[in-house]
Amino acid sequence: MQIRKPEVAERLRELARLEGKSITDLVEEMVRERDERLTAAREADIERKLTAAMETVRRFQALPIIGPLPTDDDLYDEDGLPK
């Protein structure tokens, strides 16, 4: 991999030196940490949306049934075509 911005390459070298790691090990750790953070955020977002959907279903199912439910006879004629 080539870093084209000299200031970024220098910052990586300095961080690696401060942490006593190679640049490769430092970058590997940074990538792994970022991947873990993004994965956790994505999973939390999925869980939040799933919880919201389940709450919507729960509220819908709690609504009272008003009147008789439609049957196939209400929706289709004697030939099976929509009314």
PDB file of N, CA and C in Angstrom:
ATOM      1  N   MET A   1       0.849  -1.159   0.000  1.00  0.00           N
ATOM      2  CA  MET A   1       0.000   0.000   0.000  1.00  0.00           C
ATOM      3  C   MET A   1       0.900   1.228   0.000  1.00  0.00           C
ATOM      4  N   GLN A   2       0.488   2.219  -0.737  1.00  0.00           N
ATOM      5  CA  GLN A   2       1.264   3.442  -0.814  1.00  0.00           C
ATOM      6  C   GLN A   2       0.443   4.585  -0.241  1.00  0.00           C
ATOM      7  N   ILE A   3       1.054   5.320   0.673  1.00  0.00           N
ATOM      8  CA  ILE A   3       0.416   6.512   1.241  1.00  0.00           C
ATOM      9  C   ILE A   3       0.966   7.710   0.471  1.00  0.00           C
ATOM     10  N   ARG A   4       0.088   8.424  -0.204  1.00  0.00           N
ATOM     11  CA  ARG A   4       0.543   9.516  -1.065  1.00  0.00           C
ATOM     12  C   ARG A   4       0.645  10.855  -0.344  1.00  0.00           C
ATOM     13  N   LYS A   5       0.013  10.971   0.787  1.00  0.00           N
ATOM     14  CA  LYS A   5       0.113  12.213   1.546  1.00  0.00           C
ATOM     15  C   LYS A   5       1.260  12.078   2.551  1.00  0.00           C
ATOM     16  N   PRO A   6       2.317  12.847   2.375  1.00  0.00           N
ATOM     17  CA  PRO A   6       3.474  12.726   3.260  1.00  0.00           C
ATOM     18  C   PRO A   6       3.128  12.942   4.730  1.00  0.00           C
ATOM     19  N   GLU A   7       2.201  13.860   5.020  1.00  0.00           N
ATOM     20  CA  GLU A   7       1.853  14.134   6.418  1.00  0.00           C
ATOM     21  C   GLU A   7       1.164  12.933   7.069  1.00  0.00           C
ATOM     22  N   VAL A   8       0.384  12.190   6.293  1.00  0.00           N
ATOM     23  CA  VAL A   8      -0.276  10.988   6.812  1.00  0.00           C
ATOM     24  C   VAL A   8       0.756   9.900   7.078  1.00  0.00           C
ATOM     25  N   ALA A   9       1.664   9.717   6.137  1.00  0.00           N
ATOM     26  CA  ALA A   9       2.715   8.713   6.322  1.00  0.00           C
ATOM     27  C   ALA A   9       3.559   9.043   7.553  1.00  0.00           C
ATOM     28  N   GLU A  10       3.862  10.306   7.741  1.00  0.00           N
ATOM     29  CA  GLU A  10       4.667  10.711   8.905  1.00  0.00           C
ATOM     30  C   GLU A  10       3.899  10.477  10.204  1.00  0.00           C
ATOM     31  N   ARG A  11       2.625  10.776  10.196  1.00  0.00           N
ATOM     32  CA  ARG A  11       1.813  10.542  11.407  1.00  0.00           C
ATOM     33  C   ARG A  11       1.742   9.055  11.733  1.00  0.00           C
ATOM     34  N   LEU A  12       1.619   8.220  10.703  1.00  0.00           N
ATOM     35  CA  LEU A  12       1.619   6.770  10.929  1.00  0.00           C
ATOM     36  C   LEU A  12       2.947   6.313  11.512  1.00  0.00           C
ATOM     37  N   ARG A  13       4.045   6.796  10.954  1.00  0.00           N
ATOM     38  CA  ARG A  13       5.365   6.420  11.486  1.00  0.00           C
ATOM     39  C   ARG A  13       5.498   6.843  12.942  1.00  0.00           C
ATOM     40  N   GLU A  14       5.047   8.052  13.252  1.00  0.00           N
ATOM     41  CA  GLU A  14       5.161   8.560  14.626  1.00  0.00           C
ATOM     42  C   GLU A  14       4.288   7.753  15.587  1.00  0.00           C
ATOM     43  N   LEU A  15       3.055   7.459  15.183  1.00  0.00           N
ATOM     44  CA  LEU A  15       2.179   6.638  16.028  1.00  0.00           C
ATOM     45  C   LEU A  15       2.762   5.253  16.253  1.00  0.00           C
ATOM     46  N   ALA A  16       3.278   4.654  15.198  1.00  0.00           N
ATOM     47  CA  ALA A  16       3.884   3.331  15.314  1.00  0.00           C
ATOM     48  C   ALA A  16       5.072   3.379  16.270  1.00  0.00           C
ATOM     49  N   ARG A  17       5.889   4.417  16.160  1.00  0.00           N
ATOM     50  CA  ARG A  17       7.040   4.556  17.056  1.00  0.00           C
ATOM     51  C   ARG A  17       6.579   4.711  18.502  1.00  0.00           C
ATOM     52  N   LEU A  18       5.584   5.565  18.743  1.00  0.00           N
ATOM     53  CA  LEU A  18       5.092   5.805  20.104  1.00  0.00           C
ATOM     54  C   LEU A  18       4.506   4.548  20.733  1.00  0.00           C
ATOM     55  N   GLU A  19       3.861   3.724  19.922  1.00  0.00           N
ATOM     56  CA  GLU A  19       3.230   2.509  20.432  1.00  0.00           C
ATOM     57  C   GLU A  19       4.155   1.296  20.358  1.00  0.00           C
ATOM     58  N   GLY A  20       5.347   1.479  19.792  1.00  0.00           N
ATOM     59  CA  GLY A  20       6.298   0.382  19.702  1.00  0.00           C
ATOM     60  C   GLY A  20       5.833  -0.726  18.763  1.00  0.00           C
ATOM     61  N   LYS A  21       5.184  -0.327  17.692  1.00  0.00           N
ATOM     62  CA  LYS A  21       4.656  -1.290  16.727  1.00  0.00           C
ATOM     63  C   LYS A  21       5.199  -0.963  15.349  1.00  0.00           C
ATOM     64  N   SER A  22       5.079  -1.935  14.460  1.00  0.00           N
ATOM     65  CA  SER A  22       5.390  -1.650  13.061  1.00  0.00           C
ATOM     66  C   SER A  22       4.204  -0.894  12.468  1.00  0.00           C
ATOM     67  N   ILE A  23       4.448  -0.219  11.366  1.00  0.00           N
ATOM     68  CA  ILE A  23       3.358   0.495  10.697  1.00  0.00           C
ATOM     69  C   ILE A  23       2.280  -0.499  10.275  1.00  0.00           C
ATOM     70  N   THR A  24       2.692  -1.657   9.798  1.00  0.00           N
ATOM     71  CA  THR A  24       1.730  -2.683   9.374  1.00  0.00           C
ATOM     72  C   THR A  24       0.854  -3.109  10.541  1.00  0.00           C
ATOM     73  N   ASP A  25       1.476  -3.382  11.700  1.00  0.00           N
ATOM     74  CA  ASP A  25       0.690  -3.795  12.871  1.00  0.00           C
ATOM     75  C   ASP A  25      -0.243  -2.684  13.329  1.00  0.00           C
ATOM     76  N   LEU A  26       0.246  -1.447  13.277  1.00  0.00           N
ATOM     77  CA  LEU A  26      -0.579  -0.305  13.676  1.00  0.00           C
ATOM     78  C   LEU A  26      -1.791  -0.167  12.753  1.00  0.00           C
ATOM     79  N   VAL A  27      -1.562  -0.231  11.449  1.00  0.00           N
ATOM     80  CA  VAL A  27      -2.659  -0.096  10.486  1.00  0.00           C
ATOM     81  C   VAL A  27      -3.636  -1.261  10.634  1.00  0.00           C
ATOM     82  N   GLU A  28      -3.111  -2.473  10.835  1.00  0.00           N
ATOM     83  CA  GLU A  28      -3.985  -3.633  11.027  1.00  0.00           C
ATOM     84  C   GLU A  28      -4.892  -3.433  12.243  1.00  0.00           C
ATOM     85  N   GLU A  29      -4.323  -2.954  13.335  1.00  0.00           N
ATOM     86  CA  GLU A  29      -5.115  -2.703  14.546  1.00  0.00           C
ATOM     87  C   GLU A  29      -6.167  -1.617  14.313  1.00  0.00           C
ATOM     88  N   MET A  30      -5.763  -0.554  13.623  1.00  0.00           N
ATOM     89  CA  MET A  30      -6.701   0.537  13.346  1.00  0.00           C
ATOM     90  C   MET A  30      -7.857   0.064  12.471  1.00  0.00           C
ATOM     91  N   VAL A  31      -7.548  -0.733  11.470  1.00  0.00           N
ATOM     92  CA  VAL A  31      -8.589  -1.255  10.568  1.00  0.00           C
ATOM     93  C   VAL A  31      -9.533  -2.176  11.336  1.00  0.00           C
ATOM     94  N   ARG A  32      -8.959  -3.056  12.166  1.00  0.00           N
ATOM     95  CA  ARG A  32      -9.781  -3.984  12.947  1.00  0.00           C
ATOM     96  C   ARG A  32     -10.703  -3.217  13.901  1.00  0.00           C
ATOM     97  N   GLU A  33     -10.159  -2.207  14.594  1.00  0.00           N
ATOM     98  CA  GLU A  33     -10.981  -1.419  15.524  1.00  0.00           C
ATOM     99  C   GLU A  33     -12.104  -0.693  14.792  1.00  0.00           C
ATOM    100  N   ARG A  34     -11.786  -0.127  13.648  1.00  0.00           N
ATOM    101  CA  ARG A  34     -12.819   0.595  12.884  1.00  0.00           C
ATOM    102  C   ARG A  34     -13.886  -0.362  12.374  1.00  0.00           C
ATOM    103  N   ASP A  35     -13.459  -1.526  11.893  1.00  0.00           N
ATOM    104  CA  ASP A  35     -14.408  -2.536  11.419  1.00  0.00           C
ATOM    105  C   ASP A  35     -15.326  -2.979  12.554  1.00  0.00           C
ATOM    106  N   GLU A  36     -14.763  -3.213  13.728  1.00  0.00           N
ATOM    107  CA  GLU A  36     -15.576  -3.622  14.881  1.00  0.00           C
ATOM    108  C   GLU A  36     -16.574  -2.534  15.260  1.00  0.00           C
ATOM    109  N   ARG A  37     -16.126  -1.272  15.227  1.00  0.00           N
ATOM    110  CA  ARG A  37     -17.013  -0.158  15.578  1.00  0.00           C
ATOM    111  C   ARG A  37     -18.157  -0.031  14.570  1.00  0.00           C
ATOM    112  N   LEU A  38     -17.824  -0.132  13.274  1.00  0.00           N
ATOM    113  CA  LEU A  38     -18.864  -0.022  12.242  1.00  0.00           C
ATOM    114  C   LEU A  38     -19.829  -1.200  12.289  1.00  0.00           C
ATOM    115  N   THR A  39     -19.300  -2.386  12.538  1.00  0.00           N
ATOM    116  CA  THR A  39     -20.156  -3.570  12.644  1.00  0.00           C
ATOM    117  C   THR A  39     -21.111  -3.438  13.821  1.00  0.00           C
ATOM    118  N   ALA A  40     -20.591  -2.981  14.957  1.00  0.00           N
ATOM    119  CA  ALA A  40     -21.443  -2.798  16.142  1.00  0.00           C
ATOM    120  C   ALA A  40     -22.519  -1.747  15.876  1.00  0.00           C
ATOM    121  N   ALA A  41     -22.152  -0.660  15.205  1.00  0.00           N
ATOM    122  CA  ALA A  41     -23.131   0.389  14.897  1.00  0.00           C
ATOM    123  C   ALA A  41     -24.200  -0.139  13.944  1.00  0.00           C
ATOM    124  N   ARG A  42     -23.782  -0.919  12.952  1.00  0.00           N
ATOM    125  CA  ARG A  42     -24.732  -1.489  11.987  1.00  0.00           C
ATOM    126  C   ARG A  42     -25.685  -2.464  12.685  1.00  0.00           C
ATOM    127  N   GLU A  43     -25.144  -3.302  13.563  1.00  0.00           N
ATOM    128  CA  GLU A  43     -25.984  -4.258  14.289  1.00  0.00           C
ATOM    129  C   GLU A  43     -26.953  -3.531  15.219  1.00  0.00           C
ATOM    130  N   ALA A  44     -26.495  -2.455  15.859  1.00  0.00           N
ATOM    131  CA  ALA A  44     -27.382  -1.676  16.728  1.00  0.00           C
ATOM    132  C   ALA A  44     -28.501  -1.030  15.918  1.00  0.00           C
ATOM    133  N   ASP A  45     -28.184  -0.557  14.723  1.00  0.00           N
ATOM    134  CA  ASP A  45     -29.199   0.054  13.856  1.00  0.00           C
ATOM    135  C   ASP A  45     -30.232  -0.979  13.423  1.00  0.00           C
ATOM    136  N   ILE A  46     -29.765  -2.173  13.062  1.00  0.00           N
ATOM    137  CA  ILE A  46     -30.684  -3.253  12.682  1.00  0.00           C
ATOM    138  C   ILE A  46     -31.581  -3.599  13.866  1.00  0.00           C
ATOM    139  N   GLU A  47     -31.010  -3.717  15.053  1.00  0.00           N
ATOM    140  CA  GLU A  47     -31.797  -4.051  16.244  1.00  0.00           C
ATOM    141  C   GLU A  47     -32.831  -2.967  16.544  1.00  0.00           C
ATOM    142  N   ARG A  48     -32.430  -1.691  16.387  1.00  0.00           N
ATOM    143  CA  ARG A  48     -33.363  -0.579  16.623  1.00  0.00           C
ATOM    144  C   ARG A  48     -34.525  -0.638  15.639  1.00  0.00           C
ATOM    145  N   LYS A  49     -34.238  -0.897  14.372  1.00  0.00           N
ATOM    146  CA  LYS A  49     -35.302  -0.972  13.361  1.00  0.00           C
ATOM    147  C   LYS A  49     -36.202  -2.176  13.593  1.00  0.00           C
ATOM    148  N   LEU A  50     -35.619  -3.305  13.975  1.00  0.00           N
ATOM    149  CA  LEU A  50     -36.399  -4.498  14.261  1.00  0.00           C
ATOM    150  C   LEU A  50     -37.328  -4.266  15.455  1.00  0.00           C
ATOM    151  N   THR A  51     -36.808  -3.626  16.482  1.00  0.00           N
ATOM    152  CA  THR A  51     -37.621  -3.316  17.660  1.00  0.00           C
ATOM    153  C   THR A  51     -38.781  -2.389  17.292  1.00  0.00           C
ATOM    154  N   ALA A  52     -38.505  -1.382  16.458  1.00  0.00           N
ATOM    155  CA  ALA A  52     -39.562  -0.459  16.027  1.00  0.00           C
ATOM    156  C   ALA A  52     -40.618  -1.192  15.202  1.00  0.00           C
ATOM    157  N   ALA A  53     -40.189  -2.091  14.332  1.00  0.00           N
ATOM    158  CA  ALA A  53     -41.144  -2.853  13.515  1.00  0.00           C
ATOM    159  C   ALA A  53     -41.997  -3.759  14.395  1.00  0.00           C
ATOM    160  N   MET A  54     -41.361  -4.410  15.362  1.00  0.00           N
ATOM    161  CA  MET A  54     -42.112  -5.292  16.257  1.00  0.00           C
ATOM    162  C   MET A  54     -43.126  -4.494  17.095  1.00  0.00           C
ATOM    163  N   GLU A  55     -42.762  -3.278  17.497  1.00  0.00           N
ATOM    164  CA  GLU A  55     -43.685  -2.430  18.247  1.00  0.00           C
ATOM    165  C   GLU A  55     -44.871  -2.027  17.366  1.00  0.00           C
ATOM    166  N   THR A  56     -44.619  -1.745  16.103  1.00  0.00           N
ATOM    167  CA  THR A  56     -45.704  -1.406  15.176  1.00  0.00           C
ATOM    168  C   THR A  56     -46.650  -2.587  15.019  1.00  0.00           C
ATOM    169  N   VAL A  57     -46.120  -3.788  14.861  1.00  0.00           N
ATOM    170  CA  VAL A  57     -46.952  -4.992  14.747  1.00  0.00           C
ATOM    171  C   VAL A  57     -47.752  -5.195  16.021  1.00  0.00           C
ATOM    172  N   ARG A  58     -47.111  -5.009  17.181  1.00  0.00           N
ATOM    173  CA  ARG A  58     -47.811  -5.183  18.461  1.00  0.00           C
ATOM    174  C   ARG A  58     -48.976  -4.208  18.577  1.00  0.00           C
ATOM    175  N   ARG A  59     -48.745  -2.936  18.207  1.00  0.00           N
ATOM    176  CA  ARG A  59     -49.817  -1.936  18.282  1.00  0.00           C
ATOM    177  C   ARG A  59     -50.938  -2.272  17.313  1.00  0.00           C
ATOM    178  N   PHE A  60     -50.585  -2.728  16.115  1.00  0.00           N
ATOM    179  CA  PHE A  60     -51.597  -3.096  15.129  1.00  0.00           C
ATOM    180  C   PHE A  60     -52.430  -4.263  15.634  1.00  0.00           C
ATOM    181  N   GLN A  61     -51.782  -5.268  16.192  1.00  0.00           N
ATOM    182  CA  GLN A  61     -52.503  -6.440  16.681  1.00  0.00           C
ATOM    183  C   GLN A  61     -53.374  -6.114  17.893  1.00  0.00           C
ATOM    184  N   ALA A  62     -53.057  -5.041  18.595  1.00  0.00           N
ATOM    185  CA  ALA A  62     -53.843  -4.649  19.768  1.00  0.00           C
ATOM    186  C   ALA A  62     -55.111  -3.880  19.382  1.00  0.00           C
ATOM    187  N   LEU A  63     -55.227  -3.465  18.130  1.00  0.00           N
ATOM    188  CA  LEU A  63     -56.410  -2.726  17.696  1.00  0.00           C
ATOM    189  C   LEU A  63     -57.635  -3.635  17.731  1.00  0.00           C
ATOM    190  N   PRO A  64     -58.778  -3.079  18.063  1.00  0.00           N
ATOM    191  CA  PRO A  64     -59.992  -3.905  18.088  1.00  0.00           C
ATOM    192  C   PRO A  64     -60.443  -4.251  16.664  1.00  0.00           C
ATOM    193  N   ILE A  65     -61.074  -5.412  16.535  1.00  0.00           N
ATOM    194  CA  ILE A  65     -61.656  -5.817  15.259  1.00  0.00           C
ATOM    195  C   ILE A  65     -63.060  -5.251  15.217  1.00  0.00           C
ATOM    196  N   ILE A  66     -63.321  -4.424  14.226  1.00  0.00           N
ATOM    197  CA  ILE A  66     -64.615  -3.763  14.115  1.00  0.00           C
ATOM    198  C   ILE A  66     -65.363  -4.391  12.945  1.00  0.00           C
ATOM    199  N   GLY A  67     -66.452  -5.029  13.263  1.00  0.00           N
ATOM    200  CA  GLY A  67     -67.269  -5.649  12.226  1.00  0.00           C
ATOM    201  C   GLY A  67     -66.695  -6.976  11.783  1.00  0.00           C
ATOM    202  N   PRO A  68     -67.415  -7.666  10.896  1.00  0.00           N
ATOM    203  CA  PRO A  68     -66.939  -8.970  10.420  1.00  0.00           C
ATOM    204  C   PRO A  68     -65.762  -8.782   9.451  1.00  0.00           C
ATOM    205  N   LEU A  69     -64.881  -9.754   9.472  1.00  0.00           N
ATOM    206  CA  LEU A  69     -63.754  -9.723   8.546  1.00  0.00           C
ATOM    207  C   LEU A  69     -64.231 -10.131   7.155  1.00  0.00           C
ATOM    208  N   PRO A  70     -63.677  -9.538   6.091  1.00  0.00           N
ATOM    209  CA  PRO A  70     -64.104  -9.905   4.741  1.00  0.00           C
ATOM    210  C   PRO A  70     -63.708 -11.348   4.414  1.00  0.00           C
ATOM    211  N   THR A  71     -64.537 -11.985   3.628  1.00  0.00           N
ATOM    212  CA  THR A  71     -64.261 -13.353   3.173  1.00  0.00           C
ATOM    213  C   THR A  71     -63.954 -13.313   1.679  1.00  0.00           C
ATOM    214  N   ASP A  72     -63.612 -14.450   1.123  1.00  0.00           N
ATOM    215  CA  ASP A  72     -63.363 -14.521  -0.313  1.00  0.00           C
ATOM    216  C   ASP A  72     -64.601 -14.102  -1.108  1.00  0.00           C
ATOM    217  N   ASP A  73     -65.786 -14.417  -0.590  1.00  0.00           N
ATOM    218  CA  ASP A  73     -67.025 -14.044  -1.284  1.00  0.00           C
ATOM    219  C   ASP A  73     -67.187 -12.532  -1.355  1.00  0.00           C
ATOM    220  N   ASP A  74     -66.639 -11.823  -0.384  1.00  0.00           N
ATOM    221  CA  ASP A  74     -66.716 -10.359  -0.398  1.00  0.00           C
ATOM    222  C   ASP A  74     -65.756  -9.763  -1.434  1.00  0.00           C
ATOM    223  N   LEU A  75     -64.686 -10.467  -1.740  1.00  0.00           N
ATOM    224  CA  LEU A  75     -63.642  -9.929  -2.606  1.00  0.00           C
ATOM    225  C   LEU A  75     -63.729 -10.409  -4.052  1.00  0.00           C
ATOM    226  N   TYR A  76     -64.288 -11.628  -4.257  1.00  0.00           N
ATOM    227  CA  TYR A  76     -64.293 -12.232  -5.600  1.00  0.00           C
ATOM    228  C   TYR A  76     -65.707 -12.623  -6.024  1.00  0.00           C
ATOM    229  N   ASP A  77     -65.953 -12.548  -7.338  1.00  0.00           N
ATOM    230  CA  ASP A  77     -67.286 -12.960  -7.833  1.00  0.00           C
ATOM    231  C   ASP A  77     -67.299 -14.480  -7.995  1.00  0.00           C
ATOM    232  N   GLU A  78     -68.426 -14.986  -8.559  1.00  0.00           N
ATOM    233  CA  GLU A  78     -68.600 -16.424  -8.688  1.00  0.00           C
ATOM    234  C   GLU A  78     -67.606 -17.074  -9.684  1.00  0.00           C
ATOM    235  N   ASP A  79     -66.969 -16.243 -10.532  1.00  0.00           N
ATOM    236  CA  ASP A  79     -65.957 -16.764 -11.461  1.00  0.00           C
ATOM    237  C   ASP A  79     -64.538 -16.627 -10.904  1.00  0.00           C
ATOM    238  N   GLY A  80     -64.404 -16.143  -9.696  1.00  0.00           N
ATOM    239  CA  GLY A  80     -63.088 -15.989  -9.081  1.00  0.00           C
ATOM    240  C   GLY A  80     -62.375 -14.714  -9.465  1.00  0.00           C
ATOM    241  N   LEU A  81     -63.100 -13.803 -10.099  1.00  0.00           N
ATOM    242  CA  LEU A  81     -62.504 -12.515 -10.479  1.00  0.00           C
ATOM    243  C   LEU A  81     -62.753 -11.476  -9.387  1.00  0.00           C
ATOM    244  N   PRO A  82     -61.850 -10.539  -9.250  1.00  0.00           N
ATOM    245  CA  PRO A  82     -62.056  -9.497  -8.239  1.00  0.00           C
ATOM    246  C   PRO A  82     -63.324  -8.719  -8.515  1.00  0.00           C
ATOM    247  N   LYS A  83     -64.023  -8.381  -7.470  1.00  0.00           N
ATOM    248  CA  LYS A  83     -65.257  -7.583  -7.614  1.00  0.00           C
ATOM    249  C   LYS A  83     -64.930  -6.129  -7.851  1.00  0.00           C
TER     250      LYS A  83
END
